[in-house]
Amino acid sequence: MQPQGAYFLGKALWDKGHRSLIALLADHDARSGGAPVHVDVYGVGEDLEGIRAEAARKQVDMEFKGLWDHIDPALQDYKVRQGALVLATKKFDARVATRALLCSWLRGEGAI
């Protein structure tokens, strides 16, 4: 199987970093002029419909796959290096990861 790019695994709550992820993807897509970054989103929660609606409104390439176990072998097909990103489920870790991604873009180290 071809390695996947990026995924977000966590409860579908705004506090888990979804707002930051959507904003970063929209900004990247607007600035890059290339193909949008695709992110598979695993998780359910009380904010799922709002998150899905915001992703659609911002026209970012996010596919919502529902409830998933983080140890499922299918998640091993995602590559994690320059060119891909896995955002952590904890609010603090998600913010650190999105900041690191944004800093990488600003330094001109390439797109995800």
Protein backbone atom coordinates (compact mmCIF):
# COMPACT_ATOMS: atom_id res chain seq x y z
CA MET A 1 0.00 0.00 0.00
CA GLN A 2 1.17 3.53 -0.80
CA PRO A 3 2.10 5.38 2.40
CA GLN A 4 -0.52 7.90 3.45
CA GLY A 5 0.29 11.54 4.20
CA ALA A 6 -1.27 13.05 7.30
CA TYR A 7 -3.93 12.22 9.83
CA PHE A 8 -5.56 13.71 12.91
CA LEU A 9 -6.64 11.21 15.57
CA GLY A 10 -8.62 12.45 18.54
CA LYS A 11 -12.00 13.30 19.94
CA ALA A 12 -13.88 15.69 17.67
CA LEU A 13 -13.71 18.71 19.97
CA TRP A 14 -12.54 22.19 19.03
CA ASP A 15 -10.16 22.10 22.01
CA LYS A 16 -8.22 19.24 20.42
CA GLY A 17 -6.75 21.55 17.77
CA HIS A 18 -9.20 21.19 14.87
CA ARG A 19 -9.65 24.95 14.51
CA SER A 20 -5.88 25.45 14.19
CA LEU A 21 -5.55 22.59 11.74
CA ILE A 22 -8.33 23.91 9.50
CA ALA A 23 -6.88 27.43 9.58
CA LEU A 24 -3.37 26.18 8.74
CA LEU A 25 -4.62 23.99 5.90
CA ALA A 26 -6.69 26.83 4.44
CA ASP A 27 -3.75 29.23 4.67
CA HIS A 28 -1.38 26.71 3.11
CA ASP A 29 -3.78 25.93 0.26
CA ALA A 30 -4.27 29.64 -0.45
CA ARG A 31 -0.52 30.39 -0.48
CA SER A 32 0.84 27.28 -2.17
CA GLY A 33 -0.97 27.37 -5.48
CA GLY A 34 -0.46 23.61 -5.63
CA ALA A 35 -2.49 20.60 -4.65
CA PRO A 36 -4.22 20.91 -1.29
CA VAL A 37 -2.91 18.90 1.64
CA HIS A 38 -5.17 15.95 2.43
CA VAL A 39 -5.77 15.02 6.08
CA ASP A 40 -7.74 11.99 7.26
CA VAL A 41 -9.59 12.76 10.49
CA TYR A 42 -10.30 9.91 12.91
CA GLY A 43 -12.60 10.48 15.86
CA VAL A 44 -16.09 11.35 16.99
CA GLY A 45 -17.38 13.87 19.49
CA GLU A 46 -19.83 16.62 20.24
CA ASP A 47 -18.18 19.14 17.88
CA LEU A 48 -17.91 16.81 14.86
CA GLU A 49 -20.65 18.44 12.78
CA GLY A 50 -19.28 21.93 13.46
CA ILE A 51 -15.74 20.82 12.57
CA ARG A 52 -16.98 19.15 9.40
CA ALA A 53 -18.96 22.27 8.45
CA GLU A 54 -15.97 24.57 9.06
CA ALA A 55 -13.70 22.33 6.96
CA ALA A 56 -16.25 22.43 4.13
CA ARG A 57 -16.68 26.20 4.46
CA LYS A 58 -12.91 26.74 4.27
CA GLN A 59 -12.71 24.17 1.43
CA VAL A 60 -9.89 22.18 3.02
CA ASP A 61 -9.25 18.57 2.04
CA MET A 62 -10.27 16.69 5.18
CA GLU A 63 -11.91 13.28 5.12
CA PHE A 64 -13.80 12.34 8.28
CA LYS A 65 -13.48 8.60 8.92
CA GLY A 66 -15.27 8.23 12.25
CA LEU A 67 -14.27 6.26 15.31
CA TRP A 68 -10.93 4.48 15.04
CA ASP A 69 -8.58 2.75 17.44
CA HIS A 70 -5.12 4.32 17.56
CA ILE A 71 -3.45 0.90 17.54
CA ASP A 72 -5.19 -0.26 14.36
CA PRO A 73 -2.61 -1.54 11.85
CA ALA A 74 -4.19 0.58 9.09
CA LEU A 75 -2.78 3.68 10.79
CA GLN A 76 0.74 2.33 10.27
CA ASP A 77 0.45 3.20 6.56
CA TYR A 78 0.87 6.90 7.33
CA LYS A 79 4.36 8.26 6.94
CA VAL A 80 5.68 10.76 9.47
CA ARG A 81 8.55 12.95 8.21
CA GLN A 82 8.92 16.09 6.15
CA GLY A 83 6.02 15.75 3.80
CA ALA A 84 3.57 14.51 6.42
CA LEU A 85 2.28 15.36 9.85
CA VAL A 86 0.52 13.51 12.63
CA LEU A 87 -1.13 15.81 15.11
CA ALA A 88 -1.35 14.61 18.69
CA THR A 89 -4.65 14.30 20.47
CA LYS A 90 -3.72 16.42 23.49
CA LYS A 91 -4.50 20.10 23.19
CA PHE A 92 -0.97 21.19 24.13
CA ASP A 93 0.71 18.68 21.83
CA ALA A 94 -1.57 19.67 18.94
CA ARG A 95 -0.67 23.32 19.39
CA VAL A 96 3.05 22.51 19.48
CA ALA A 97 2.73 20.37 16.34
CA THR A 98 0.80 23.05 14.42
CA ARG A 99 3.33 25.70 15.47
CA ALA A 100 6.20 23.49 14.30
CA LEU A 101 4.45 22.98 10.97
CA LEU A 102 3.80 26.69 10.50
CA CYS A 103 7.41 27.52 11.39
CA SER A 104 8.60 24.99 8.82
CA TRP A 105 6.51 26.68 6.14
CA LEU A 106 7.72 30.13 7.12
CA ARG A 107 11.35 28.99 6.91
CA GLY A 108 10.70 27.74 3.39
CA GLU A 109 11.40 24.11 4.24
CA GLY A 110 8.70 22.90 1.89
CA ALA A 111 5.06 22.03 2.03
CA ILE A 112 3.59 19.12 3.88
